[in-house]
Protein backbone atom coordinates (compact mmCIF):
# COMPACT_ATOMS: atom_id res chain seq x y z
CA MET A 1 -52.81 -22.39 30.50
CA ALA A 2 -56.58 -22.49 30.00
CA SER A 3 -58.07 -25.91 29.34
CA LEU A 4 -58.89 -26.29 25.63
CA THR A 5 -60.88 -29.04 23.97
CA THR A 6 -58.96 -31.69 22.03
CA ASN A 7 -59.23 -29.93 18.68
CA GLY A 8 -57.91 -26.69 20.18
CA ASP A 9 -60.94 -24.68 19.05
CA THR A 10 -62.88 -23.85 22.19
CA ASN A 11 -62.20 -23.34 25.87
CA THR A 12 -64.42 -25.65 27.90
CA LYS A 13 -64.88 -22.85 30.44
CA LYS A 14 -66.59 -19.64 29.28
CA SER A 15 -65.06 -16.40 30.49
CA GLY A 16 -68.20 -14.26 30.34
CA ILE A 17 -66.22 -11.57 28.47
CA LYS A 18 -67.93 -10.09 25.41
CA VAL A 19 -65.55 -8.91 22.68
CA ILE A 20 -66.24 -6.95 19.51
CA VAL A 21 -63.54 -7.06 16.84
CA VAL A 22 -63.62 -4.39 14.13
CA GLY A 23 -61.95 -5.56 10.93
CA ALA A 24 -61.75 -9.00 9.34
CA GLY A 25 -58.17 -8.97 8.10
CA PHE A 26 -55.71 -11.53 9.39
CA GLY A 27 -55.22 -9.67 12.67
CA GLY A 28 -58.93 -9.27 13.36
CA LEU A 29 -59.70 -12.85 12.36
CA THR A 30 -56.92 -14.19 14.59
CA ALA A 31 -58.10 -12.08 17.52
CA ALA A 32 -61.62 -13.45 17.08
CA ILE A 33 -60.49 -17.08 16.67
CA GLU A 34 -58.18 -16.88 19.67
CA CYS A 35 -60.87 -15.19 21.80
CA HIS A 36 -63.20 -18.03 20.82
CA ARG A 37 -60.51 -20.56 21.79
CA GLN A 38 -60.11 -18.88 25.16
CA GLY A 39 -63.83 -18.97 25.91
CA HIS A 40 -64.77 -15.34 25.20
CA ASP A 41 -67.99 -14.34 23.43
CA VAL A 42 -66.77 -12.65 20.24
CA GLU A 43 -68.31 -11.00 17.16
CA ILE A 44 -66.73 -9.31 14.12
CA TYR A 45 -67.80 -6.11 12.36
CA GLU A 46 -66.40 -5.48 8.88
CA ALA A 47 -67.01 -2.66 6.38
CA PHE A 48 -66.83 -4.83 3.26
CA PRO A 49 -70.24 -6.26 2.37
CA GLU A 50 -68.83 -9.59 1.14
CA LEU A 51 -65.63 -11.58 1.04
CA LYS A 52 -63.61 -11.01 -2.12
CA VAL A 53 -60.44 -12.84 -3.10
CA LEU A 54 -58.22 -9.77 -3.53
CA GLY A 55 -54.53 -8.96 -3.33
CA ASP A 56 -51.28 -10.65 -4.22
CA ILE A 57 -48.37 -12.18 -2.30
CA ILE A 58 -48.39 -12.24 1.50
CA SER A 59 -45.90 -13.89 3.85
CA PHE A 60 -46.38 -15.68 7.17
CA GLY A 61 -43.26 -16.65 9.10
CA PRO A 62 -42.95 -19.70 11.35
CA ASN A 63 -44.07 -17.56 14.28
CA ALA A 64 -47.43 -17.33 12.49
CA GLY A 65 -47.27 -21.00 11.50
CA ARG A 66 -47.27 -21.98 15.20
CA ILE A 67 -50.56 -20.16 15.56
CA PHE A 68 -52.17 -21.68 12.47
CA ARG A 69 -50.94 -25.14 13.51
CA ARG A 70 -52.93 -25.03 16.77
CA TRP A 71 -56.23 -24.45 15.00
CA HIS A 72 -58.37 -27.55 14.59
CA ASP A 73 -55.50 -30.04 15.01
CA GLY A 74 -53.63 -28.72 12.00
CA MET A 75 -56.62 -28.66 9.64
CA ILE A 76 -55.97 -25.02 8.71
CA THR A 77 -52.29 -25.59 7.94
CA ASP A 78 -53.30 -28.54 5.76
CA LYS A 79 -55.52 -26.18 3.76
CA LEU A 80 -52.97 -23.39 3.52
CA ARG A 81 -50.05 -25.57 2.42
CA PRO A 82 -51.14 -26.33 -1.19
CA LEU A 83 -51.86 -22.63 -1.73
CA SER A 84 -48.36 -21.62 -0.69
CA ILE A 85 -44.96 -21.60 -2.32
CA ASP A 86 -42.60 -24.49 -1.53
CA LEU A 87 -38.96 -23.52 -2.02
CA THR A 88 -37.42 -26.66 -0.54
CA ASN A 89 -35.76 -27.56 -3.84
CA HIS A 90 -35.04 -24.03 -5.05
CA GLY A 91 -34.22 -21.54 -2.31
CA PHE A 92 -33.84 -17.81 -2.97
CA HIS A 93 -31.65 -16.86 -5.97
CA ILE A 94 -30.25 -13.38 -5.34
CA HIS A 95 -28.83 -11.44 -8.30
CA LYS A 96 -27.09 -8.12 -8.70
CA TRP A 97 -29.30 -5.74 -10.67
CA THR A 98 -27.12 -6.22 -13.73
CA GLY A 99 -27.89 -9.94 -13.80
CA GLU A 100 -25.03 -11.77 -12.07
CA LEU A 101 -26.19 -14.50 -9.68
CA ILE A 102 -24.55 -13.59 -6.36
CA THR A 103 -25.81 -16.26 -3.98
CA VAL A 104 -28.48 -18.89 -3.43
CA GLN A 105 -30.04 -18.76 0.03
CA LYS A 106 -31.15 -22.26 0.97
CA THR A 107 -34.61 -22.84 2.43
CA PRO A 108 -34.48 -23.97 6.08
CA PRO A 109 -35.75 -27.49 6.90
CA LYS A 110 -39.49 -27.68 7.37
CA ASP A 111 -40.87 -27.67 10.91
CA PRO A 112 -44.36 -29.20 10.96
CA ASP A 113 -45.19 -27.33 14.18
CA ALA A 114 -44.08 -23.96 12.75
CA PRO A 115 -44.73 -23.98 8.99
CA VAL A 116 -44.07 -21.04 6.68
CA PHE A 117 -46.73 -19.81 4.25
CA ASN A 118 -46.28 -17.46 1.28
CA GLY A 119 -49.21 -17.25 -1.09
CA HIS A 120 -52.01 -15.18 -2.56
CA ARG A 121 -53.44 -12.99 0.17
CA GLY A 122 -57.05 -13.50 -0.94
CA GLU A 123 -56.76 -17.29 -1.17
CA LEU A 124 -55.13 -17.65 2.25
CA HIS A 125 -57.56 -15.17 3.77
CA GLU A 126 -60.52 -17.13 2.44
CA VAL A 127 -59.36 -20.23 4.36
CA VAL A 128 -59.08 -18.36 7.66
CA PHE A 129 -62.29 -16.38 7.12
CA SER A 130 -64.26 -19.55 6.40
CA TYR A 131 -62.77 -21.29 9.43
CA ALA A 132 -63.84 -18.46 11.74
CA ARG A 133 -67.32 -18.03 10.29
CA ASP A 134 -68.35 -21.50 9.10
CA THR A 135 -66.42 -23.93 11.31
CA LEU A 136 -66.36 -22.00 14.57
CA GLY A 137 -69.63 -20.14 14.02
CA ILE A 138 -68.27 -16.75 15.04
CA PRO A 139 -70.91 -14.11 14.14
CA PHE A 140 -69.89 -11.77 11.32
CA HIS A 141 -71.61 -8.45 10.59
CA LEU A 142 -70.50 -7.45 7.09
CA GLY A 143 -71.17 -4.15 5.35
CA HIS A 144 -71.09 -2.10 8.56
CA ARG A 145 -68.98 1.03 8.59
CA ILE A 146 -68.03 2.51 11.94
CA LYS A 147 -69.04 6.12 12.57
CA LYS A 148 -67.69 6.32 16.11
CA TYR A 149 -65.98 4.36 18.88
CA PHE A 150 -67.01 5.11 22.49
CA GLU A 151 -66.41 3.82 26.01
CA ASP A 152 -67.14 4.37 29.68
CA ASP A 153 -65.83 2.67 32.82
CA ASN A 154 -67.81 -0.50 32.17
CA VAL A 155 -68.30 -1.00 28.43
CA ALA A 156 -67.02 -0.03 25.00
CA GLY A 157 -69.06 0.30 21.86
CA LEU A 158 -69.57 1.37 18.29
CA VAL A 159 -71.97 3.67 16.50
CA LEU A 160 -72.65 2.12 13.10
CA ASP A 161 -73.42 3.86 9.83
CA ASP A 162 -77.15 3.09 10.19
CA GLY A 163 -77.24 4.97 13.50
CA SER A 164 -77.51 1.89 15.70
CA SER A 165 -75.11 1.15 18.56
CA VAL A 166 -73.52 -2.04 19.86
CA THR A 167 -71.61 -2.56 23.09
CA ALA A 168 -69.27 -5.13 24.65
CA ASP A 169 -66.79 -5.43 27.49
CA ILE A 170 -64.01 -4.62 25.04
CA VAL A 171 -63.70 -3.40 21.47
CA ILE A 172 -60.62 -4.31 19.44
CA GLY A 173 -59.83 -1.90 16.61
CA ALA A 174 -58.22 -4.10 13.96
CA ASP A 175 -59.39 -2.06 10.98
CA GLY A 176 -56.07 -0.61 9.81
CA VAL A 177 -54.16 2.64 9.93
CA ARG A 178 -57.29 4.68 9.18
CA SER A 179 -59.15 3.25 12.16
CA GLN A 180 -61.12 5.85 14.09
CA ALA A 181 -60.03 3.99 17.20
CA ARG A 182 -56.54 5.48 16.72
CA GLU A 183 -57.84 9.00 17.27
CA LEU A 184 -59.83 7.95 20.35
CA VAL A 185 -56.81 6.19 21.87
CA LEU A 186 -54.34 8.98 21.08
CA GLY A 187 -56.65 11.94 21.67
CA HIS A 188 -55.60 13.51 18.36
CA VAL A 189 -55.12 12.71 14.68
CA ASP A 190 -51.60 11.46 14.00
CA GLU A 191 -50.23 12.51 10.63
CA PRO A 192 -48.42 10.08 8.33
CA LYS A 193 -44.96 10.79 6.85
CA SER A 194 -43.65 9.94 3.43
CA SER A 195 -41.42 6.87 3.43
CA GLY A 196 -39.87 7.92 0.14
CA TYR A 197 -40.75 4.55 -1.39
CA ALA A 198 -43.49 2.83 -3.34
CA VAL A 199 -44.10 -0.75 -4.48
CA PHE A 200 -45.37 -2.02 -7.80
CA ARG A 201 -47.01 -5.44 -7.32
CA ALA A 202 -48.66 -7.98 -9.57
CA TRP A 203 -50.07 -11.53 -9.61
CA PHE A 204 -50.96 -13.31 -12.87
CA SER A 205 -51.11 -16.71 -14.56
CA ASN A 206 -48.17 -18.26 -16.40
CA LYS A 207 -50.00 -18.18 -19.75
CA ASP A 208 -47.66 -15.73 -21.49
CA MET A 209 -44.57 -16.65 -19.47
CA ILE A 210 -44.49 -20.18 -20.88
CA GLN A 211 -44.74 -18.90 -24.47
CA ASP A 212 -41.47 -16.96 -24.21
CA PRO A 213 -38.24 -19.01 -24.14
CA ARG A 214 -36.64 -16.28 -22.01
CA THR A 215 -39.12 -16.83 -19.18
CA LYS A 216 -40.50 -20.31 -19.74
CA HIS A 217 -37.88 -22.01 -17.57
CA PHE A 218 -39.10 -20.21 -14.44
CA CYS A 219 -42.51 -21.88 -14.71
CA ASP A 220 -41.07 -25.24 -15.84
CA HIS A 221 -39.25 -25.65 -12.52
CA GLY A 222 -42.24 -25.42 -10.19
CA ASP A 223 -42.02 -23.03 -7.28
CA THR A 224 -39.14 -20.55 -7.60
CA PHE A 225 -37.99 -17.30 -5.97
CA GLN A 226 -35.64 -14.78 -7.58
CA GLY A 227 -34.39 -11.37 -6.49
CA TRP A 228 -32.49 -8.56 -8.29
CA ILE A 229 -30.92 -6.07 -5.90
CA GLY A 230 -29.71 -2.59 -6.81
CA PRO A 231 -29.35 1.03 -5.61
CA ASP A 232 -32.67 2.12 -4.09
CA VAL A 233 -34.55 -0.66 -5.94
CA HIS A 234 -35.21 -4.37 -5.49
CA PHE A 235 -37.27 -6.66 -7.74
CA LEU A 236 -38.59 -9.97 -6.33
CA PHE A 237 -40.21 -12.58 -8.56
CA SER A 238 -41.84 -15.91 -7.70
CA THR A 239 -43.56 -18.74 -9.47
CA ILE A 240 -46.03 -20.53 -7.25
CA LYS A 241 -48.44 -23.48 -7.21
CA ASP A 242 -46.01 -25.59 -9.22
CA GLY A 243 -45.32 -22.74 -11.63
CA SER A 244 -48.92 -22.08 -12.64
CA ASP A 245 -49.05 -18.59 -11.07
CA CYS A 246 -46.51 -15.77 -11.11
CA CYS A 247 -46.08 -12.76 -8.85
CA TRP A 248 -43.59 -9.96 -8.47
CA VAL A 249 -42.98 -6.87 -6.33
CA LEU A 250 -40.74 -3.93 -7.19
CA THR A 251 -39.76 -1.58 -4.35
CA HIS A 252 -38.38 1.75 -5.53
CA LYS A 253 -37.89 5.40 -4.62
CA ASP A 254 -41.05 7.50 -4.91
CA GLU A 255 -41.79 10.95 -3.55
CA ALA A 256 -45.53 11.04 -4.28
CA ASP A 257 -47.30 13.42 -1.92
CA ILE A 258 -50.28 11.47 -0.62
CA GLU A 259 -51.91 11.40 2.78
CA GLU A 260 -51.74 7.66 3.43
CA SER A 261 -50.44 4.37 2.06
CA TRP A 262 -52.78 3.57 -0.78
CA SER A 263 -53.04 1.43 -3.87
CA PHE A 264 -53.60 2.78 -7.37
CA PRO A 265 -53.82 1.07 -10.76
CA GLY A 266 -50.27 0.73 -12.04
CA LYS A 267 -48.84 1.47 -15.48
CA LEU A 268 -46.32 -0.85 -17.11
CA GLN A 269 -44.50 2.11 -18.67
CA ASP A 270 -43.78 3.44 -15.18
CA VAL A 271 -42.31 0.06 -14.19
CA TYR A 272 -40.12 -0.05 -17.28
CA LYS A 273 -38.57 3.29 -16.33
CA VAL A 274 -37.56 1.96 -12.90
CA ILE A 275 -35.90 -1.18 -14.28
CA GLU A 276 -34.44 0.46 -17.41
CA GLU A 277 -30.84 -0.42 -16.43
CA TYR A 278 -31.71 -3.78 -14.87
CA ASP A 279 -31.06 -7.28 -16.14
CA PRO A 280 -33.22 -7.58 -19.31
CA ILE A 281 -34.91 -10.67 -17.90
CA CYS A 282 -36.69 -8.39 -15.40
CA LYS A 283 -38.41 -6.51 -18.22
CA ALA A 284 -39.17 -9.83 -19.95
CA ILE A 285 -41.06 -10.88 -16.81
CA VAL A 286 -42.84 -7.57 -16.34
CA GLU A 287 -43.98 -7.56 -19.98
CA LYS A 288 -46.08 -10.68 -19.29
CA THR A 289 -48.09 -8.84 -16.65
CA PRO A 290 -51.65 -7.89 -17.64
CA GLU A 291 -51.80 -4.19 -16.85
CA GLU A 292 -55.13 -4.65 -15.05
CA SER A 293 -53.25 -6.89 -12.56
CA LEU A 294 -50.66 -4.21 -11.75
CA VAL A 295 -50.93 -2.21 -8.51
CA ASP A 296 -48.95 0.92 -7.57
CA TRP A 297 -48.76 0.99 -3.76
CA LYS A 298 -47.47 4.23 -2.27
CA LEU A 299 -45.87 3.75 1.15
CA VAL A 300 -46.03 6.26 3.92
CA TYR A 301 -44.64 5.87 7.42
CA ARG A 302 -46.17 6.40 10.82
CA ASP A 303 -44.15 6.84 13.98
CA PRO A 304 -44.69 4.13 16.60
CA LEU A 305 -47.69 5.06 18.71
CA PRO A 306 -46.99 5.86 22.36
CA ARG A 307 -50.00 3.79 23.42
CA TRP A 308 -52.49 1.26 22.05
CA ILE A 309 -55.07 1.39 24.86
CA SER A 310 -57.82 3.94 25.50
CA ASP A 311 -58.14 6.01 28.69
CA LYS A 312 -60.87 3.79 30.19
CA GLY A 313 -59.05 0.61 29.18
CA ARG A 314 -61.94 -0.73 27.10
CA ILE A 315 -60.67 -0.16 23.53
CA ALA A 316 -57.45 -1.63 22.16
CA LEU A 317 -55.60 -1.23 18.87
CA LEU A 318 -54.30 -4.32 17.10
CA GLY A 319 -52.24 -4.97 13.96
CA ASP A 320 -51.87 -2.11 11.49
CA SER A 321 -54.14 0.05 13.64
CA ALA A 322 -51.36 0.03 16.24
CA HIS A 323 -48.19 -0.63 14.25
CA PRO A 324 -48.16 -0.53 10.43
CA PHE A 325 -45.20 -2.37 8.88
CA LEU A 326 -43.15 -1.80 5.75
CA PRO A 327 -43.48 -4.77 3.37
CA THR A 328 -39.73 -5.52 3.49
CA SER A 329 -40.22 -6.77 7.05
CA ALA A 330 -42.41 -9.63 5.75
CA GLN A 331 -43.88 -9.65 9.27
CA GLY A 332 -46.86 -7.26 9.23
CA ALA A 333 -49.62 -9.88 9.12
CA THR A 334 -47.70 -12.24 11.40
CA GLN A 335 -47.27 -9.58 14.10
CA ALA A 336 -50.99 -8.79 13.90
CA MET A 337 -51.68 -12.47 14.48
CA GLU A 338 -49.36 -12.50 17.50
CA ASP A 339 -51.30 -9.50 18.85
CA GLY A 340 -54.56 -11.45 18.61
CA VAL A 341 -53.15 -14.43 20.47
CA VAL A 342 -51.73 -12.30 23.29
CA MET A 343 -54.93 -10.28 23.64
CA ALA A 344 -57.04 -13.42 24.06
CA VAL A 345 -54.67 -14.89 26.64
CA CYS A 346 -54.55 -11.67 28.68
CA LEU A 347 -58.34 -11.45 28.83
CA ALA A 348 -58.63 -15.09 29.88
CA ARG A 349 -55.99 -14.81 32.57
CA ALA A 350 -57.22 -11.47 33.96
CA GLY A 351 -60.94 -12.26 33.96
CA LYS A 352 -63.98 -10.09 33.44
CA ASP A 353 -63.30 -7.92 36.54
CA ASN A 354 -59.86 -6.82 35.36
CA ILE A 355 -60.31 -5.95 31.70
CA PRO A 356 -58.51 -2.56 31.69
CA ALA A 357 -55.45 -4.11 33.37
CA ALA A 358 -55.60 -7.01 30.91
CA LEU A 359 -55.49 -4.61 27.97
CA TRP A 360 -52.52 -2.73 29.37
CA ALA A 361 -50.79 -6.06 30.00
CA TYR A 362 -51.38 -6.91 26.33
CA GLN A 363 -49.68 -3.69 25.30
CA ASP A 364 -46.79 -4.27 27.70
CA LEU A 365 -46.22 -7.81 26.43
CA ARG A 366 -46.24 -6.73 22.80
CA TYR A 367 -44.86 -3.20 22.58
CA GLU A 368 -41.06 -3.62 22.59
CA ARG A 369 -41.15 -6.78 20.47
CA VAL A 370 -43.29 -5.15 17.79
CA LYS A 371 -41.10 -2.03 17.77
CA GLY A 372 -38.03 -4.20 17.22
CA VAL A 373 -39.60 -6.22 14.42
CA GLN A 374 -40.86 -3.03 12.74
CA LYS A 375 -37.28 -1.81 12.36
CA THR A 376 -36.38 -4.84 10.24
CA GLY A 377 -38.48 -3.41 7.40
CA GLU A 378 -36.01 -0.54 7.10
CA THR A 379 -32.84 -2.51 7.85
CA THR A 380 -33.58 -5.21 5.24
CA ARG A 381 -34.44 -2.61 2.59
CA ASP A 382 -31.30 -0.59 3.33
CA MET A 383 -29.12 -3.74 3.38
CA TRP A 384 -30.13 -4.37 -0.23
CA HIS A 385 -30.48 -0.83 -1.55
CA LYS A 386 -27.19 0.39 -0.07
CA ALA A 387 -25.15 -2.76 -0.59
CA ASP A 388 -21.37 -2.37 -0.91
CA TRP A 389 -20.80 -4.80 -3.74
CA SER A 390 -17.07 -5.16 -3.09
CA LYS A 391 -17.89 -6.39 0.40
CA VAL A 392 -20.74 -8.56 -0.91
CA ALA A 393 -18.23 -10.23 -3.24
CA GLU A 394 -16.20 -11.20 -0.16
CA ASN A 395 -19.26 -12.37 1.78
CA PRO A 396 -22.30 -13.10 -0.43
CA ASP A 397 -24.27 -14.34 2.56
CA SER A 398 -24.38 -10.73 3.79
CA ILE A 399 -27.34 -10.00 1.48
CA HIS A 400 -29.37 -13.06 2.48
CA MET A 401 -32.91 -12.41 3.62
CA PRO A 402 -32.64 -12.07 7.42
CA ARG A 403 -34.08 -14.95 9.44
CA GLN A 404 -33.56 -13.96 13.06
CA ASP A 405 -34.32 -16.60 15.67
CA TRP A 406 -35.75 -13.99 18.06
CA ILE A 407 -38.45 -13.28 15.47
CA PHE A 408 -39.10 -16.68 13.92
CA GLY A 409 -38.61 -18.82 17.03
CA PHE A 410 -41.17 -16.87 19.07
CA ASP A 411 -44.28 -18.58 20.45
CA ALA A 412 -46.77 -15.80 21.22
CA GLU A 413 -49.14 -17.97 23.25
CA LYS A 414 -46.40 -19.50 25.41
CA ASP A 415 -44.73 -16.14 25.98
CA ALA A 416 -48.01 -14.55 27.06
CA GLU A 417 -48.80 -17.43 29.42
CA ASP A 418 -45.29 -17.41 30.91
CA ASN A 419 -45.06 -13.64 31.42
CA PHE A 420 -48.64 -12.64 32.13
CA ASP A 421 -48.53 -12.70 35.95
CA ARG A 422 -45.45 -10.51 36.14
CA THR A 423 -46.81 -8.07 33.57
CA MET A 424 -50.27 -7.95 35.12
CA LYS A 425 -48.88 -7.36 38.61
CA ALA A 426 -47.15 -4.23 37.39
CA ARG A 427 -50.52 -2.87 36.16
CA LEU A 428 -52.62 -3.55 39.27
């Protein structure tokens, strides 16, 4: 493994590899931070002109926690922890849609080297963004839209919206499912498919919740997590930050004909229709949601891409650009982070003279694992939406949120270091 300084932030030996990352989401930020740790010269280009604290709940499993934990001797995990839900004393209360409590899934013991974080996307993102830009000094170029990706045998580059061009040894397209890098890598435009589902989502303060005796107890008990499971619908509700904030997501059937997963302003009346036959407490919770906080997120599906690397081996896809996840996997952001770790290791181990082979090694190390984790988004949803309640009565644990060791116990950096030589050899 490359020699890192004591705080784990910077490789003492520079690789001479220049990397451009497009997109400052969690995948792009992790790729940049890990490239910095491995001694690469990295910069980030992002379309948004400024950081905004947007979004609602996002989950990071322990396989992401291992990555966060290595940054700055745990400083980042120390900052993320108070922003995240702590279910040690509560667990996950799973109800049938009609209201009966079926089972309580206990929270696993905490592992300080692999913590779990569930919190407001914008708040957690702000911590990581500030670490990359302000602590590590990684250059950010905000407000730059990409008009075109390009490459030749020696460099890759971008044409920006102002007509200027920038080049590097490698460009990482971490700018989502609409990334123009996808078309360059594939050689054609891949069309999305309807998933048949959509998600209503909301995040709001407890102000109105604590005024209603039907809902007050949720906020009085600190951090909590509840689920109501029914045919083709599940409703998940959390209180967070010691009960001061509330958030919920409602996954349901939806046949809207749109071209891509996209968020729209939601309408409470539409939510009420979905939960009309649900436990009345669900509507009591939803009623407290300011309508301006409600988002209607239509989900479409994309088939797994056959490749993530361009013909010349200078442009790579990462995160949602390569493998968009359904939210029921609770692994989309975490898998993007794993991508970033593996990419940085492959470049460091291969060296500047072997960049195309390094990128193909990155794909080979990641591809089958990501494909397997992607499937959990569908299997978890179907486990809940198609539950046989007579069998659930015999075995309530059968509807617990899956926590597979092969997903959560994975160490992306160690795996890449252990398997790089074998994978690289196959590409040379």
